[in-house]
Amino acid sequence: MGLLSADEIAQRAKDLDLLSEQQVHEVFASFGSRTPTPDEFMQALVSRELMTSYQLDRVIKGERTGFFYGDYKVLYLVGTGTFARVFRAVHRTTGQIKAIKALRQRFSDMPAQYMLFLREGELGCTLRHPNIVQIDEVHSYRGTHFLVMEFVEGRSLREFIKIRKVLDPIESTRLMIDIASGLDYAFQRSVTHRDLKASNVLVSSRGQAKLVDFGLAAADDALAEDSIVEMPNTRTVDYAALERISGARRDDPRSDIYFAGCIYYHMLAGRPPLSETSDRAQRMDRQRFLDVVPIEKAVPGVPPHVAAIVTRAMALDPIYRYQTPRELLADLHRAAARLAEGNGVDRGSGKADGAELQRSVMVVESDARMQHILREGLKKAGYRVLLTSDPERAFDLARQDAGGPDCLVLNAQDIGESALAVFNRLGEDPSTQEKPAILLLDEPQHAWQSRAVVAEHRVVLPMPITMKQLRGAIEKLLPSAAQPSSL
């Protein structure tokens, strides 16, 4: 079949209710008297946000289904799993953006599978917490089964770690507090996760961790224990292996705590503690759990109080683990406080407290790739780098008499006006007026410079800017700072 013409593309889109007659007319009219090529027509549709590249690709291929789920129009594919696909979608009337999690068609005629999926959704609807992705609706109609969920701008923690390589103890602990908070909320309602891993944690653009895919434990009662290994999805295999190896009862709530410890380990070490394999026999092998390298050896210099949490959470005997998420959460909060005070070993320098005082720079940046670039660039210059995507968190740390950063770098490029607002508050608050700070403004934001409260030690740098220029600006500001902090 040859390439479709612009008219044929438009007709297919209208037939699928993706475009109205009026929208098609307006796009063609924008080309004046000439007839657009197929590529020109598609580019015009995308630039006007009338259709997405994902929709157009499916239209060109002649697909007839999968464009709508109930009242929601699919914009593009977000991710795929063994059991389901996740789409970004928009409500046809309200324009509200949601995530649609749709069961794969091959499982739609298998009652055991789609009932598992629907029960997961129904259970998820009962959970309302800032660290759990909210499920709003559960639909099952004529063989199509899908959930309507909160759409989180961001990426999975697994992808986040892949970009960043490793996370420092402060950021790892902050994300773990979010994870444990979500687990604790669910545990208080007799709900466990049963599939806790880095790919089932989303990190929002503001740096908040949110858990997804609750509900498997509620459905497990409908399945024989041996059938877990035979299921087409592999989500519960690791849990089944842990519980058999450790002698714990099936669906032990402390299993979530073990795998929470695995996530903490993964962030600190840059790799998961358990060897990764798709072979079920290997995943059920006891040796896989016994071969875990202790966190102190995997991450030399990790603060002892952080290592102690990982070790206790990952105790193979559940008696020696934290018994509830709340116990884990309490220790995480204590660890976060000690890290903020500078107690422990900094992984960036590899030196214990008091071995060497380094200047610390707090970078406020929401994009994971840019975080990595700034972190590595400043570390090479000898700075101790702290990272956050939350300007308010940075402001709170800057106000501390001890343990606060020596200098702040706020990148407004993606964070927006909240970065400017916190930059100005640094100059207005008596406790931070002398704190060196740099505000980075993207080209469309250069006009904000007139609104910034600047001083000799608090400057605005228009982007684009090189790493060398940024380091030079920091070097000029820090000599006027007080004695370096111990953070």
Protein backbone atom coordinates (compact mmCIF):
# COMPACT_ATOMS: atom_id res chain seq x y z
CA MET A 1 0.00 0.00 0.00
CA GLY A 2 1.36 3.42 -1.02
CA LEU A 3 1.76 6.50 1.14
CA LEU A 4 -1.54 8.04 2.18
CA SER A 5 -2.40 11.51 0.93
CA ALA A 6 -3.24 14.35 3.30
CA ASP A 7 -6.93 13.93 2.35
CA GLU A 8 -6.85 10.22 3.16
CA ILE A 9 -5.18 10.84 6.52
CA ALA A 10 -7.80 13.47 7.34
CA GLN A 11 -10.66 11.14 6.37
CA ARG A 12 -9.35 8.31 8.53
CA ALA A 13 -8.92 10.64 11.50
CA LYS A 14 -12.50 11.91 11.07
CA ASP A 15 -13.86 8.38 10.77
CA LEU A 16 -12.14 7.51 14.06
CA ASP A 17 -13.54 10.65 15.72
CA LEU A 18 -10.02 11.98 16.28
CA LEU A 19 -10.67 15.14 14.25
CA SER A 20 -13.79 17.17 13.53
CA GLU A 21 -14.75 18.47 10.09
CA GLN A 22 -14.09 22.01 11.32
CA GLN A 23 -10.57 21.16 12.54
CA VAL A 24 -9.70 19.51 9.21
CA HIS A 25 -11.00 22.53 7.32
CA GLU A 26 -8.94 24.95 9.41
CA VAL A 27 -5.73 22.99 8.94
CA PHE A 28 -6.14 22.77 5.17
CA ALA A 29 -7.07 26.48 5.04
CA SER A 30 -3.79 27.37 6.76
CA PHE A 31 -1.92 26.19 3.66
CA GLY A 32 -3.77 28.67 1.46
CA SER A 33 -4.29 27.58 -2.11
CA ARG A 34 -1.69 24.83 -2.19
CA THR A 35 -2.26 21.23 -1.16
CA PRO A 36 0.00 20.08 1.67
CA THR A 37 2.12 16.97 1.43
CA PRO A 38 1.27 14.19 3.91
CA ASP A 39 4.26 15.15 6.07
CA GLU A 40 3.32 18.84 6.05
CA PHE A 41 -0.26 18.00 6.98
CA MET A 42 0.80 15.73 9.85
CA GLN A 43 3.29 18.30 11.14
CA ALA A 44 0.51 20.91 11.14
CA LEU A 45 -1.76 18.57 13.14
CA VAL A 46 0.96 17.94 15.71
CA SER A 47 2.05 21.59 16.02
CA ARG A 48 -1.58 22.64 16.57
CA GLU A 49 -1.91 19.86 19.18
CA LEU A 50 -4.86 18.37 17.31
CA MET A 51 -3.21 14.94 17.10
CA THR A 52 -0.11 13.29 18.50
CA SER A 53 2.59 11.44 16.60
CA TYR A 54 1.44 8.24 18.33
CA GLN A 55 -2.12 8.68 17.06
CA LEU A 56 -0.95 9.52 13.54
CA ASP A 57 1.35 6.51 13.41
CA ARG A 58 -1.57 4.23 14.28
CA VAL A 59 -3.85 5.96 11.77
CA ILE A 60 -1.27 5.49 9.00
CA LYS A 61 -0.99 1.79 9.89
CA GLY A 62 -4.74 1.40 9.54
CA GLU A 63 -5.44 0.66 13.22
CA ARG A 64 -9.14 0.99 14.10
CA THR A 65 -9.21 0.42 17.85
CA GLY A 66 -7.36 1.54 20.96
CA PHE A 67 -7.86 5.28 20.40
CA PHE A 68 -10.49 5.66 23.13
CA TYR A 69 -11.14 4.11 26.51
CA GLY A 70 -14.57 5.22 27.67
CA ASP A 71 -14.57 9.01 27.80
CA TYR A 72 -10.79 9.21 27.46
CA LYS A 73 -8.85 9.74 24.25
CA VAL A 74 -5.39 8.16 24.14
CA LEU A 75 -2.57 10.60 23.43
CA TYR A 76 0.42 8.30 23.53
CA LEU A 77 1.86 5.12 25.02
CA VAL A 78 3.70 5.63 28.32
CA GLY A 79 4.82 2.10 29.16
CA THR A 80 4.16 -1.58 28.67
CA GLY A 81 4.22 -4.58 30.97
CA THR A 82 3.41 -8.25 30.80
CA PHE A 83 -0.10 -7.65 32.06
CA ALA A 84 -1.07 -4.20 30.82
CA ARG A 85 -0.19 -1.07 28.87
CA VAL A 86 -0.25 2.45 30.26
CA PHE A 87 -1.30 5.46 28.18
CA ARG A 88 -1.47 9.18 28.70
CA ALA A 89 -5.04 10.20 27.89
CA VAL A 90 -7.30 13.23 27.96
CA HIS A 91 -10.98 13.39 28.94
CA ARG A 92 -13.02 14.26 25.86
CA THR A 93 -15.16 16.82 27.70
CA THR A 94 -13.15 18.22 30.61
CA GLY A 95 -9.68 18.05 29.05
CA GLN A 96 -8.33 16.47 32.25
CA ILE A 97 -5.13 14.47 31.77
CA LYS A 98 -5.12 10.95 33.21
CA ALA A 99 -3.19 7.70 32.90
CA ILE A 100 -5.10 4.75 31.45
CA LYS A 101 -3.89 1.31 32.46
CA ALA A 102 -5.44 -1.17 30.04
CA LEU A 103 -5.29 -4.94 30.38
CA ARG A 104 -3.68 -6.60 27.37
CA GLN A 105 -6.22 -8.16 25.05
CA ARG A 106 -4.82 -11.68 25.37
CA PHE A 107 -5.80 -11.74 29.05
CA SER A 108 -9.25 -10.21 28.59
CA ASP A 109 -10.97 -13.57 28.12
CA MET A 110 -9.17 -15.19 31.06
CA PRO A 111 -11.32 -14.66 34.18
CA ALA A 112 -8.48 -15.37 36.65
CA GLN A 113 -6.34 -12.72 34.99
CA TYR A 114 -8.83 -9.93 34.41
CA MET A 115 -10.39 -10.43 37.83
CA LEU A 116 -6.93 -10.01 39.37
CA PHE A 117 -6.55 -6.80 37.39
CA LEU A 118 -9.96 -5.43 38.36
CA ARG A 119 -9.54 -6.30 42.03
CA GLU A 120 -6.20 -4.51 42.02
CA GLY A 121 -7.98 -1.46 40.65
CA GLU A 122 -10.87 -1.60 43.10
CA LEU A 123 -8.48 -1.90 46.03
CA GLY A 124 -6.39 0.97 44.67
CA CYS A 125 -9.47 3.20 44.58
CA THR A 126 -9.63 2.99 48.38
CA LEU A 127 -6.09 4.36 48.84
CA ARG A 128 -5.72 8.14 48.98
CA HIS A 129 -2.22 9.27 49.91
CA PRO A 130 0.31 11.68 48.35
CA ASN A 131 2.87 8.86 47.99
CA ILE A 132 0.49 6.45 46.24
CA VAL A 133 -0.64 6.92 42.65
CA GLN A 134 -4.38 7.45 42.85
CA ILE A 135 -6.80 5.18 40.97
CA ASP A 136 -10.06 7.00 40.17
CA GLU A 137 -12.12 4.58 38.07
CA VAL A 138 -12.29 0.87 37.23
CA HIS A 139 -13.98 -0.15 33.96
CA SER A 140 -14.89 -3.54 32.52
CA TYR A 141 -17.06 -3.53 29.40
CA ARG A 142 -17.39 -6.00 26.52
CA GLY A 143 -14.00 -7.59 27.06
CA THR A 144 -12.13 -4.32 27.63
CA HIS A 145 -10.75 -3.78 31.12
CA PHE A 146 -8.98 -0.58 32.18
CA LEU A 147 -8.20 1.71 35.12
CA VAL A 148 -8.27 5.50 35.13
CA MET A 149 -5.38 6.78 37.25
CA GLU A 150 -3.57 9.92 38.31
CA PHE A 151 -1.00 10.87 35.66
CA VAL A 152 2.41 11.57 37.19
CA GLU A 153 4.78 13.81 35.26
CA GLY A 154 8.14 12.17 35.78
CA ARG A 155 9.73 8.76 35.39
CA SER A 156 10.11 5.50 37.25
CA LEU A 157 12.73 5.31 39.99
CA ARG A 158 14.50 2.63 37.96
CA GLU A 159 14.86 5.04 35.02
CA PHE A 160 15.83 7.81 37.45
CA ILE A 161 18.69 5.69 38.84
CA LYS A 162 19.76 4.66 35.35
CA ILE A 163 20.27 8.33 34.46
CA ARG A 164 21.83 9.39 37.76
CA LYS A 165 23.91 6.20 38.25
CA VAL A 166 23.86 6.50 42.07
CA LEU A 167 21.97 8.73 44.49
CA ASP A 168 23.63 10.26 47.52
CA PRO A 169 22.45 9.22 51.01
CA ILE A 170 20.45 12.43 51.55
CA GLU A 171 18.36 12.07 48.41
CA SER A 172 18.06 8.29 48.75
CA THR A 173 16.77 8.70 52.29
CA ARG A 174 14.30 11.41 51.29
CA LEU A 175 12.84 9.19 48.57
CA MET A 176 12.74 6.24 50.97
CA ILE A 177 10.73 8.34 53.42
CA ASP A 178 8.15 8.87 50.65
CA ILE A 179 8.10 5.14 49.86
CA ALA A 180 7.79 4.11 53.52
CA SER A 181 5.07 6.72 54.08
CA GLY A 182 2.98 5.19 51.30
CA LEU A 183 3.58 1.69 52.63
CA ASP A 184 2.66 2.73 56.16
CA TYR A 185 -0.61 4.34 55.02
CA ALA A 186 -1.58 1.17 53.15
CA PHE A 187 -0.44 -1.12 55.99
CA GLN A 188 -2.70 0.72 58.44
CA ARG A 189 -5.55 -0.31 56.11
CA SER A 190 -4.39 -3.96 55.95
CA VAL A 191 -3.07 -3.56 52.41
CA THR A 192 0.38 -4.70 51.31
CA HIS A 193 2.02 -4.03 47.98
CA ARG A 194 3.40 -7.42 46.89
CA ASP A 195 5.36 -6.03 43.94
CA LEU A 196 7.68 -3.42 45.41
CA LYS A 197 10.62 -2.58 43.14
CA ALA A 198 12.20 0.49 41.58
CA SER A 199 10.09 0.28 38.42
CA ASN A 200 6.92 0.46 40.54
CA VAL A 201 7.98 3.73 42.14
CA LEU A 202 7.42 6.91 40.16
CA VAL A 203 9.49 10.03 40.81
CA SER A 204 7.51 13.13 39.91
CA SER A 205 9.05 16.21 38.30
CA ARG A 206 9.03 17.76 41.79
CA GLY A 207 11.06 14.86 43.18
CA GLN A 208 8.25 13.13 45.07
CA ALA A 209 8.15 9.33 45.12
CA LYS A 210 4.79 7.64 44.47
CA LEU A 211 3.98 3.93 44.62
CA VAL A 212 2.05 2.20 41.85
CA ASP A 213 0.52 -1.26 41.40
CA PHE A 214 -0.97 -1.96 44.81
CA GLY A 215 -3.45 -4.78 45.20
CA LEU A 216 -1.85 -8.08 44.28
CA ALA A 217 -2.07 -9.38 47.85
CA ALA A 218 -5.84 -8.97 47.84
CA ALA A 219 -6.12 -11.12 44.74
CA ASP A 220 -3.66 -13.83 45.76
CA ASP A 221 -6.26 -15.71 47.77
CA ALA A 222 -7.94 -16.66 44.50
CA LEU A 223 -4.77 -18.32 43.26
CA ALA A 224 -3.08 -21.50 44.41
CA GLU A 225 0.41 -20.93 45.79
CA ASP A 226 2.08 -23.06 43.14
CA SER A 227 0.31 -21.20 40.37
CA ILE A 228 2.23 -18.01 41.17
CA VAL A 229 5.25 -19.34 39.30
CA GLU A 230 3.09 -20.35 36.34
CA MET A 231 1.29 -17.05 35.93
CA PRO A 232 2.04 -15.14 32.71
CA ASN A 233 3.15 -12.15 34.78
CA THR A 234 6.21 -12.49 37.02
CA ARG A 235 5.24 -9.91 39.60
CA THR A 236 4.97 -12.16 42.66
CA VAL A 237 7.85 -14.55 41.97
CA ASP A 238 10.40 -12.68 44.09
CA TYR A 239 7.97 -12.45 46.99
CA ALA A 240 7.15 -16.17 46.77
CA ALA A 241 10.87 -16.98 46.67
CA LEU A 242 11.67 -14.81 49.69
CA GLU A 243 8.87 -16.29 51.77
CA ARG A 244 9.74 -19.88 50.92
CA ILE A 245 13.45 -19.36 51.58
CA SER A 246 12.95 -17.47 54.84
CA GLY A 247 10.22 -19.79 56.11
CA ALA A 248 7.75 -16.93 56.40
CA ARG A 249 4.06 -17.43 55.87
CA ARG A 250 2.64 -16.64 52.49
CA ASP A 251 1.80 -12.93 52.06
CA ASP A 252 3.88 -11.90 55.08
CA PRO A 253 3.52 -8.08 55.30
CA ARG A 254 7.22 -7.86 56.21
CA SER A 255 8.08 -8.94 52.66
CA ASP A 256 7.34 -5.40 51.51
CA ILE A 257 9.93 -4.17 53.99
CA TYR A 258 12.60 -6.49 52.55
CA PHE A 259 12.01 -5.16 49.05
CA ALA A 260 11.89 -1.58 50.35
CA GLY A 261 15.39 -2.27 51.64
CA CYS A 262 16.33 -3.52 48.17
CA ILE A 263 15.20 -0.20 46.69
CA TYR A 264 17.26 1.76 49.25
CA TYR A 265 20.28 -0.41 48.38
CA HIS A 266 19.64 0.12 44.64
CA MET A 267 19.64 3.92 45.00
CA LEU A 268 22.82 3.99 47.07
CA ALA A 269 24.77 1.44 45.05
CA GLY A 270 23.41 2.17 41.58
CA ARG A 271 22.52 -1.50 41.11
CA PRO A 272 19.95 -3.84 42.69
CA PRO A 273 21.19 -6.19 45.44
CA LEU A 274 19.55 -9.28 43.91
CA SER A 275 20.89 -10.59 40.61
CA GLU A 276 18.41 -9.80 37.84
CA THR A 277 17.14 -12.63 35.68
CA SER A 278 13.94 -13.58 33.88
CA ASP A 279 14.51 -17.28 34.64
CA ARG A 280 11.95 -18.27 37.28
CA ALA A 281 14.03 -21.16 38.58
CA GLN A 282 16.97 -18.84 39.22
CA ARG A 283 14.70 -16.29 40.88
CA MET A 284 13.42 -18.97 43.23
CA ASP A 285 16.97 -20.11 44.11
CA ARG A 286 17.95 -19.53 47.74
CA GLN A 287 21.52 -18.69 46.75
CA ARG A 288 20.35 -15.57 44.94
CA PHE A 289 19.37 -14.09 48.31
CA LEU A 290 22.45 -15.39 50.13
CA ASP A 291 24.79 -13.84 47.54
CA VAL A 292 23.74 -10.26 48.30
CA VAL A 293 26.87 -8.16 48.89
CA PRO A 294 26.55 -6.21 52.18
CA ILE A 295 25.83 -2.54 51.55
CA GLU A 296 29.02 -1.48 53.39
CA LYS A 297 31.12 -3.41 50.85
CA ALA A 298 29.00 -2.42 47.86
CA VAL A 299 29.15 1.28 48.82
CA PRO A 300 32.35 2.04 50.76
CA GLY A 301 31.86 5.11 52.94
CA VAL A 302 28.09 4.80 53.24
CA PRO A 303 27.00 6.45 56.54
CA PRO A 304 26.76 3.72 59.20
CA HIS A 305 23.25 4.70 60.27
CA VAL A 306 22.09 4.45 56.64
CA ALA A 307 23.79 1.08 56.20
CA ALA A 308 22.12 -0.15 59.40
CA ILE A 309 18.66 0.62 57.98
CA VAL A 310 19.39 -1.22 54.73
CA THR A 311 20.78 -4.21 56.60
CA ARG A 312 17.87 -4.47 59.01
CA ALA A 313 15.25 -4.02 56.28
CA MET A 314 16.91 -6.77 54.21
CA ALA A 315 17.38 -9.30 57.01
CA LEU A 316 16.57 -12.69 55.49
CA ASP A 317 14.87 -13.83 58.69
CA PRO A 318 11.74 -11.65 59.01
CA ILE A 319 12.08 -11.68 62.80
CA TYR A 320 15.11 -9.39 62.48
CA ARG A 321 13.53 -7.02 59.96
CA TYR A 322 11.49 -3.95 60.78
CA GLN A 323 8.14 -5.40 61.73
CA THR A 324 6.06 -2.57 60.26
CA PRO A 325 6.59 0.23 57.73
CA ARG A 326 6.14 2.72 60.59
CA GLU A 327 9.23 1.35 62.35
CA LEU A 328 11.20 1.71 59.12
CA LEU A 329 9.83 5.22 58.61
CA ALA A 330 10.88 6.31 62.09
CA ASP A 331 14.50 5.25 61.48
CA LEU A 332 14.50 6.93 58.06
CA HIS A 333 13.40 10.22 59.62
CA ARG A 334 16.17 9.93 62.20
CA ALA A 335 18.71 9.17 59.46
CA ALA A 336 17.54 12.16 57.41
CA ALA A 337 18.00 14.44 60.43
CA ARG A 338 21.53 13.13 61.06
CA LEU A 339 22.46 13.52 57.40
CA ALA A 340 21.19 17.10 57.41
CA GLU A 341 23.39 17.77 60.44
CA GLY A 342 26.38 16.34 58.62
CA ASN A 343 26.77 13.17 60.69
CA GLY A 344 28.29 10.26 58.83
CA VAL A 345 30.43 9.92 55.74
CA ASP A 346 29.90 11.85 52.56
CA ARG A 347 30.02 9.58 49.53
CA GLY A 348 31.06 12.43 47.26
CA SER A 349 34.33 13.04 49.13
CA GLY A 350 34.70 9.59 50.72
CA LYS A 351 35.86 11.26 53.98
CA ALA A 352 34.52 10.93 57.49
CA ASP A 353 33.27 13.85 59.54
CA GLY A 354 36.01 16.33 60.31
CA ALA A 355 38.52 14.74 57.90
CA GLU A 356 38.17 17.69 55.54
CA LEU A 357 35.75 20.57 55.36
CA GLN A 358 34.39 21.00 51.85
CA ARG A 359 32.21 23.72 50.45
CA SER A 360 28.71 22.39 49.86
CA VAL A 361 26.48 23.49 47.00
CA MET A 362 22.75 22.81 47.01
CA VAL A 363 21.48 22.43 43.43
CA VAL A 364 17.74 22.90 42.89
CA GLU A 365 16.91 21.16 39.62
CA SER A 366 13.94 19.01 38.57
CA ASP A 367 15.34 17.36 35.44
CA ALA A 368 17.20 14.14 36.29
CA ARG A 369 19.63 14.40 33.39
CA MET A 370 20.52 17.99 34.26
CA GLN A 371 20.89 17.00 37.92
CA HIS A 372 23.49 14.45 36.88
CA ILE A 373 25.38 16.97 34.72
CA LEU A 374 25.46 19.61 37.44
CA ARG A 375 26.37 17.13 40.15
CA GLU A 376 29.29 15.66 38.22
CA GLY A 377 30.51 19.05 36.98
CA LEU A 378 30.58 20.57 40.46
CA LYS A 379 32.03 17.48 42.11
CA LYS A 380 35.01 17.67 39.75
CA ALA A 381 35.68 21.14 41.12
CA GLY A 382 35.79 19.72 44.65
CA TYR A 383 32.36 20.80 45.86
CA ARG A 384 30.12 18.64 47.97
CA VAL A 385 26.89 18.55 45.95
CA LEU A 386 23.39 18.25 47.38
CA LEU A 387 20.44 17.81 45.06
CA THR A 388 16.73 18.52 45.35
CA SER A 389 13.90 19.33 42.97
CA ASP A 390 11.96 21.19 45.67
CA PRO A 391 12.87 24.89 46.16
CA GLU A 392 11.07 24.95 49.51
CA ARG A 393 13.20 22.07 50.77
CA ALA A 394 16.33 23.98 49.72
CA PHE A 395 15.11 27.10 51.53
CA ASP A 396 14.48 25.13 54.72
CA LEU A 397 18.01 23.71 54.63
CA ALA A 398 19.49 27.14 53.92
CA ARG A 399 17.87 28.49 57.09
CA GLN A 400 19.65 25.99 59.32
CA ASP A 401 22.35 27.44 61.55
CA ALA A 402 24.45 24.30 61.09
CA GLY A 403 24.50 21.73 58.34
CA GLY A 404 23.05 24.02 55.70
CA PRO A 405 24.60 24.43 52.23
CA ASP A 406 27.27 27.07 51.67
CA CYS A 407 25.75 28.13 48.34
CA LEU A 408 22.51 27.50 46.43
CA VAL A 409 22.07 27.16 42.69
CA LEU A 410 18.42 27.36 41.59
CA ASN A 411 17.64 26.48 37.97
CA ALA A 412 14.29 27.99 36.98
CA GLN A 413 14.34 26.36 33.53
CA ASP A 414 11.84 23.61 34.41
CA ILE A 415 10.89 24.54 37.97
CA GLY A 416 9.56 27.97 36.93
CA GLU A 417 8.52 30.86 39.14
CA SER A 418 8.86 28.92 42.39
CA ALA A 419 12.65 29.02 41.88
CA LEU A 420 12.51 32.81 41.52
CA ALA A 421 10.25 33.10 44.58
CA VAL A 422 12.64 31.12 46.80
CA PHE A 423 15.65 33.05 45.44
CA ASN A 424 13.96 36.28 46.52
CA ARG A 425 13.01 34.86 49.92
CA LEU A 426 16.66 34.09 50.55
CA GLY A 427 17.29 37.82 50.35
CA GLU A 428 14.32 38.74 52.51
CA ASP A 429 14.69 36.25 55.36
CA PRO A 430 17.15 37.47 58.06
CA SER A 431 18.53 33.93 58.49
CA THR A 432 19.48 33.58 54.80
CA GLN A 433 20.26 37.15 53.71
CA GLU A 434 24.00 36.44 53.67
CA LYS A 435 23.68 33.05 51.96
CA PRO A 436 25.35 32.99 48.51
CA ALA A 437 22.91 31.99 45.79
CA ILE A 438 22.69 31.81 42.00
CA LEU A 439 19.47 31.87 39.98
CA LEU A 440 19.70 30.38 36.47
CA LEU A 441 17.15 31.71 34.00
CA ASP A 442 16.37 30.05 30.68
CA GLU A 443 16.18 32.27 27.59
CA PRO A 444 12.35 32.70 27.73
CA GLN A 445 12.75 33.68 31.41
CA HIS A 446 15.37 36.42 30.98
CA ALA A 447 12.75 39.11 31.63
CA TRP A 448 12.41 37.77 35.19
CA GLN A 449 15.84 39.20 35.97
CA SER A 450 14.26 42.57 36.79
CA ARG A 451 12.13 40.87 39.47
CA ALA A 452 15.03 39.13 41.22
CA VAL A 453 16.29 40.45 44.57
CA VAL A 454 20.03 40.49 43.89
CA ALA A 455 23.06 41.43 45.94
CA GLU A 456 26.83 41.08 45.73
CA HIS A 457 26.57 37.47 46.93
CA ARG A 458 23.21 36.68 45.29
CA VAL A 459 23.28 36.82 41.48
CA VAL A 460 21.28 35.92 38.40
CA LEU A 461 22.91 34.14 35.47
CA PRO A 462 21.07 34.06 32.13
CA MET A 463 21.32 30.77 30.24
CA PRO A 464 22.84 29.28 28.16
CA ILE A 465 25.87 29.00 30.40
CA THR A 466 28.87 26.67 30.46
CA MET A 467 29.92 24.57 33.44
CA LYS A 468 33.16 26.55 33.60
CA GLN A 469 31.21 29.81 33.86
CA LEU A 470 28.98 28.38 36.60
CA ARG A 471 31.95 27.15 38.60
CA GLY A 472 33.61 30.54 38.20
CA ALA A 473 30.50 32.30 39.54
CA ILE A 474 30.37 29.99 42.56
CA GLU A 475 34.06 30.56 43.29
CA LYS A 476 33.47 34.34 43.35
CA LEU A 477 30.57 34.02 45.78
CA LEU A 478 31.92 31.50 48.28
CA PRO A 479 34.87 33.52 49.65
CA SER A 480 32.30 35.92 51.14
CA ALA A 481 30.51 33.03 52.84
CA ALA A 482 30.87 32.09 56.45
CA GLN A 483 32.99 29.15 57.55
CA PRO A 484 32.11 26.02 55.48
CA SER A 485 29.39 23.83 56.86
CA SER A 486 29.96 20.27 57.98
CA LEU A 487 27.23 18.91 55.72
